[in-house]
Amino acid sequence: MEKYVFYVNGSATKVFAKSELSKSSVQQLKQEGYKKYQLEFDTDSKQEAIKKLNENSQDNLDSLSQFSGSYLF
């Protein structure tokens, strides 16, 4: 298994195996305006990491919707 990390810049997201990132590549990403996303996933592939991120995001949206749905004005 490999640990995958995400870097986000607006609506653009880049996925990297953590072991592939050097300090200079992280600096380059930051210069391009990317910020490291707080979640990391241990998976067998980049596609699985993306799937886990999407599932996590959907779970968060569902929870927020349930919470805010009960507070109608």
Protein backbone atom coordinates (compact mmCIF):
# COMPACT_ATOMS: atom_id res chain seq x y z
CA MET A 1 0.00 0.00 0.00
CA GLU A 2 1.02 3.54 -0.66
CA LYS A 3 0.04 6.76 1.10
CA TYR A 4 -1.57 9.26 -1.29
CA VAL A 5 -1.81 13.01 -0.71
CA PHE A 6 -3.86 15.70 -2.42
CA TYR A 7 -3.00 19.25 -3.41
CA VAL A 8 -5.83 21.65 -4.24
CA ASN A 9 -5.93 24.96 -6.10
CA GLY A 10 -9.50 26.18 -6.56
CA SER A 11 -11.30 23.44 -8.46
CA ALA A 12 -8.04 21.74 -9.56
CA THR A 13 -6.79 18.78 -7.54
CA LYS A 14 -3.57 16.84 -7.97
CA VAL A 15 -2.93 13.42 -6.42
CA PHE A 16 0.52 12.10 -5.59
CA ALA A 17 2.03 9.11 -3.90
CA LYS A 18 3.64 10.66 -0.84
CA SER A 19 6.89 8.80 -1.48
CA GLU A 20 7.18 10.44 -4.93
CA LEU A 21 7.10 14.01 -3.62
CA SER A 22 10.37 15.77 -3.01
CA LYS A 23 10.77 19.02 -1.10
CA SER A 24 11.36 20.86 -4.36
CA SER A 25 8.17 19.46 -5.95
CA VAL A 26 6.14 20.48 -2.89
CA GLN A 27 7.66 23.98 -3.09
CA GLN A 28 6.77 24.14 -6.79
CA LEU A 29 3.17 23.17 -6.03
CA LYS A 30 2.97 25.88 -3.38
CA GLN A 31 4.39 28.45 -5.81
CA GLU A 32 1.64 27.43 -8.26
CA GLY A 33 -0.95 28.18 -5.56
CA TYR A 34 -1.68 24.60 -4.46
CA LYS A 35 -2.35 23.81 -0.83
CA LYS A 36 -2.11 20.39 0.78
CA TYR A 37 -5.48 18.87 1.56
CA GLN A 38 -5.70 17.59 5.13
CA LEU A 39 -6.67 14.00 4.28
CA GLU A 40 -4.28 11.26 3.21
CA PHE A 41 -5.26 7.72 2.26
CA ASP A 42 -3.38 4.41 2.28
CA THR A 43 -4.46 2.56 -0.86
CA ASP A 44 -3.11 0.32 -3.60
CA SER A 45 -3.63 2.86 -6.38
CA LYS A 46 -4.20 6.51 -7.19
CA GLN A 47 -7.71 5.68 -8.43
CA GLU A 48 -8.62 4.12 -5.06
CA ALA A 49 -7.33 7.21 -3.25
CA ILE A 50 -9.50 9.44 -5.44
CA LYS A 51 -12.50 7.18 -4.79
CA LYS A 52 -11.94 7.38 -1.02
CA LEU A 53 -11.65 11.18 -1.18
CA ASN A 54 -14.90 11.40 -3.15
CA GLU A 55 -16.67 9.09 -0.69
CA ASN A 56 -15.42 11.13 2.25
CA SER A 57 -16.52 14.38 0.61
CA GLN A 58 -19.97 12.97 -0.14
CA ASP A 59 -20.33 11.77 3.46
CA ASN A 60 -19.46 15.27 4.68
CA LEU A 61 -21.97 16.87 2.31
CA ASP A 62 -24.68 14.44 3.42
CA SER A 63 -24.01 15.20 7.08
CA LEU A 64 -24.08 18.94 6.45
CA SER A 65 -27.30 18.61 4.49
CA GLN A 66 -28.94 16.65 7.31
CA PHE A 67 -27.78 19.19 9.86
CA SER A 68 -28.77 22.31 7.93
CA GLY A 69 -31.99 20.75 6.62
CA SER A 70 -33.45 20.79 10.12
CA TYR A 71 -32.91 24.55 10.43
CA LEU A 72 -35.31 25.95 7.83
CA PHE A 73 -36.38 29.56 8.24
